[in-house]
N, C-alpha and C. Protein backbone atom coordinates (compact mmCIF):
# COMPACT_ATOMS: atom_id res chain seq x y z
N MET A 1 101.56 19.29 51.36
CA MET A 1 101.64 18.79 52.58
C MET A 1 102.77 18.22 52.28
N ASP A 2 103.70 18.39 53.83
CA ASP A 2 104.89 17.72 54.05
C ASP A 2 105.06 16.49 54.69
N ILE A 3 105.14 14.94 54.15
CA ILE A 3 104.45 13.95 54.75
C ILE A 3 106.44 13.45 55.25
N LYS A 4 106.84 13.35 56.36
CA LYS A 4 107.97 12.49 56.94
C LYS A 4 108.43 11.51 57.55
N LEU A 5 109.21 10.84 57.32
CA LEU A 5 109.05 9.26 57.97
C LEU A 5 109.69 9.87 59.55
N SER A 6 108.92 9.16 60.65
CA SER A 6 109.60 9.44 61.85
C SER A 6 110.82 8.42 61.87
N GLU A 7 111.61 9.37 62.98
CA GLU A 7 112.72 8.61 63.41
C GLU A 7 112.62 6.58 63.16
N ASP A 8 111.67 6.04 63.99
CA ASP A 8 111.24 4.97 64.49
C ASP A 8 110.79 4.09 62.63
N GLN A 9 110.14 5.02 62.54
CA GLN A 9 110.16 4.50 60.85
C GLN A 9 111.41 4.58 60.02
N VAL A 10 112.05 5.41 59.79
CA VAL A 10 113.57 5.52 59.08
C VAL A 10 114.48 4.31 59.49
N GLU A 11 114.46 3.92 61.26
CA GLU A 11 115.12 2.68 61.53
C GLU A 11 113.83 1.75 60.82
N MET A 12 113.40 1.62 60.82
CA MET A 12 112.42 0.18 60.51
C MET A 12 113.05 -0.25 58.98
N GLN A 13 113.03 1.04 58.45
CA GLN A 13 113.23 0.74 56.97
C GLN A 13 115.06 0.47 56.52
N ARG A 14 115.80 1.05 57.39
CA ARG A 14 116.79 0.30 57.30
C ARG A 14 116.81 -1.21 57.92
N GLN A 15 116.42 -1.21 58.73
CA GLN A 15 116.29 -2.66 59.22
C GLN A 15 115.57 -3.70 58.18
N ALA A 16 114.92 -2.93 57.34
CA ALA A 16 114.45 -4.28 56.26
C ALA A 16 115.35 -4.39 55.26
N ARG A 17 116.05 -3.00 54.82
CA ARG A 17 116.44 -3.00 53.78
C ARG A 17 117.89 -4.22 53.73
N ARG A 18 118.39 -4.07 55.22
CA ARG A 18 119.85 -4.63 55.56
C ARG A 18 119.18 -5.92 55.94
N PHE A 19 117.75 -6.16 56.08
CA PHE A 19 117.30 -7.77 56.14
C PHE A 19 117.16 -8.54 54.69
N CYS A 20 117.08 -7.53 54.15
CA CYS A 20 116.37 -8.02 52.70
C CYS A 20 118.42 -8.17 51.96
N GLU A 21 118.69 -7.58 51.79
CA GLU A 21 120.16 -7.54 51.48
C GLU A 21 121.04 -8.37 51.94
N ASN A 22 120.53 -9.54 53.15
CA ASN A 22 121.64 -10.08 53.84
C ASN A 22 120.91 -11.61 53.56
N GLU A 23 119.11 -11.59 53.83
CA GLU A 23 118.54 -12.66 54.03
C GLU A 23 118.06 -13.56 52.58
N THR A 24 117.76 -12.75 51.70
CA THR A 24 117.63 -12.24 50.43
C THR A 24 118.39 -12.09 49.11
N PRO A 25 118.65 -13.01 49.12
CA PRO A 25 119.87 -12.12 47.86
C PRO A 25 118.74 -12.53 46.54
N MET A 26 118.96 -11.64 45.36
CA MET A 26 118.03 -11.29 44.38
C MET A 26 118.84 -12.41 43.42
N GLU A 27 119.95 -13.01 43.36
CA GLU A 27 120.17 -14.15 42.45
C GLU A 27 119.08 -14.99 42.46
N GLY A 28 118.21 -15.22 41.87
CA GLY A 28 117.39 -16.76 42.09
C GLY A 28 116.53 -16.54 43.33
N TYR A 29 116.36 -16.13 44.25
CA TYR A 29 115.47 -15.97 45.58
C TYR A 29 114.27 -15.51 45.00
N VAL A 30 114.29 -14.12 44.48
CA VAL A 30 112.92 -13.63 43.56
C VAL A 30 112.06 -14.40 43.42
N ARG A 31 112.88 -15.19 42.19
CA ARG A 31 111.99 -16.44 41.10
C ARG A 31 111.66 -17.47 41.96
N LYS A 32 112.70 -17.59 42.52
CA LYS A 32 112.23 -19.26 43.84
C LYS A 32 111.09 -19.38 44.49
N MET A 33 110.79 -17.70 45.15
CA MET A 33 109.29 -17.53 45.78
C MET A 33 108.36 -17.04 45.27
N PHE A 34 108.65 -16.76 43.89
CA PHE A 34 107.63 -16.23 43.24
C PHE A 34 106.79 -17.77 42.76
N GLU A 35 107.56 -18.51 42.30
CA GLU A 35 107.18 -19.81 42.16
C GLU A 35 106.69 -21.10 43.29
N ASP A 36 106.93 -20.31 44.78
CA ASP A 36 106.43 -21.37 45.60
C ASP A 36 105.29 -20.70 45.94
N GLU A 37 104.38 -21.61 46.53
CA GLU A 37 102.66 -21.47 46.55
C GLU A 37 102.77 -20.53 47.78
N ARG A 38 103.43 -20.73 48.69
CA ARG A 38 103.31 -19.56 50.00
C ARG A 38 104.43 -18.23 49.62
N GLY A 39 105.31 -18.70 48.81
CA GLY A 39 106.01 -17.19 48.75
C GLY A 39 107.00 -16.65 49.95
N PHE A 40 106.95 -17.85 50.57
CA PHE A 40 108.10 -17.11 51.74
C PHE A 40 109.10 -18.74 52.18
N THR A 41 110.04 -18.71 52.85
CA THR A 41 110.51 -20.13 53.43
C THR A 41 110.48 -19.92 54.95
N ASP A 42 110.21 -21.17 55.78
CA ASP A 42 109.91 -20.74 56.94
C ASP A 42 111.38 -20.31 58.12
N GLU A 43 112.24 -20.42 57.26
CA GLU A 43 113.64 -19.96 58.18
C GLU A 43 112.99 -18.30 57.93
N ILE A 44 113.04 -17.62 56.81
CA ILE A 44 112.83 -16.32 56.37
C ILE A 44 111.76 -15.52 57.24
N TRP A 45 110.44 -16.42 57.41
CA TRP A 45 109.14 -15.84 58.45
C TRP A 45 109.57 -16.18 59.81
N ALA A 46 110.56 -17.19 60.30
CA ALA A 46 110.84 -17.25 61.79
C ALA A 46 111.94 -16.04 62.14
N LYS A 47 112.73 -15.37 61.02
CA LYS A 47 113.73 -14.85 61.45
C LYS A 47 112.87 -13.24 61.58
N MET A 48 111.78 -13.08 60.52
CA MET A 48 110.93 -11.70 60.69
C MET A 48 110.24 -12.05 61.89
N ALA A 49 109.61 -12.99 62.39
CA ALA A 49 108.95 -13.15 63.36
C ALA A 49 110.16 -12.75 64.70
N GLU A 50 110.97 -13.52 64.96
CA GLU A 50 112.28 -12.47 65.77
C GLU A 50 112.36 -11.38 65.74
N MET A 51 112.13 -10.65 64.94
CA MET A 51 112.50 -9.59 64.70
C MET A 51 111.19 -8.44 65.37
N GLY A 52 110.03 -9.09 65.33
CA GLY A 52 108.78 -8.33 65.20
C GLY A 52 107.86 -8.04 64.60
N TRP A 53 108.20 -8.52 63.51
CA TRP A 53 107.49 -7.94 62.32
C TRP A 53 106.07 -8.77 62.08
N THR A 54 106.24 -9.60 62.55
CA THR A 54 104.80 -10.06 62.27
C THR A 54 103.24 -9.76 63.06
N ALA A 55 104.20 -9.19 64.39
CA ALA A 55 103.06 -8.35 64.82
C ALA A 55 102.94 -6.95 65.02
N MET A 56 103.60 -6.07 64.08
CA MET A 56 103.73 -5.02 63.86
C MET A 56 102.51 -3.99 64.40
N ARG A 57 101.75 -4.27 63.80
CA ARG A 57 100.07 -3.89 63.90
C ARG A 57 99.36 -3.73 64.99
N ILE A 58 99.90 -4.69 65.89
CA ILE A 58 99.09 -4.83 67.02
C ILE A 58 99.51 -4.23 68.48
N PRO A 59 99.21 -3.06 68.76
CA PRO A 59 99.67 -2.07 69.85
C PRO A 59 100.44 -2.90 70.75
N GLU A 60 101.24 -2.12 71.37
CA GLU A 60 101.90 -2.89 72.54
C GLU A 60 101.72 -2.94 73.81
N GLU A 61 100.41 -2.72 73.91
CA GLU A 61 99.51 -2.75 75.40
C GLU A 61 98.79 -3.93 74.99
N TYR A 62 98.59 -4.37 73.71
CA TYR A 62 98.10 -5.76 73.97
C TYR A 62 99.20 -6.60 73.96
N ASP A 63 100.55 -6.86 74.45
CA ASP A 63 101.57 -7.66 74.26
C ASP A 63 101.37 -8.74 75.74
């Protein structure tokens, strides 16, 4: 079985990679979030919400 990502999925992957590279630098960020009870910051969550990531599983027809 040959499973490939769709063009939309590939673009989402690119966006997520760029976002993580730009917004969550590896130096200390992962450890800081691991030690944080919530595991994220309000700033990062707001940026992800702006990109529509927090509602990805909800079909557009219900938007």
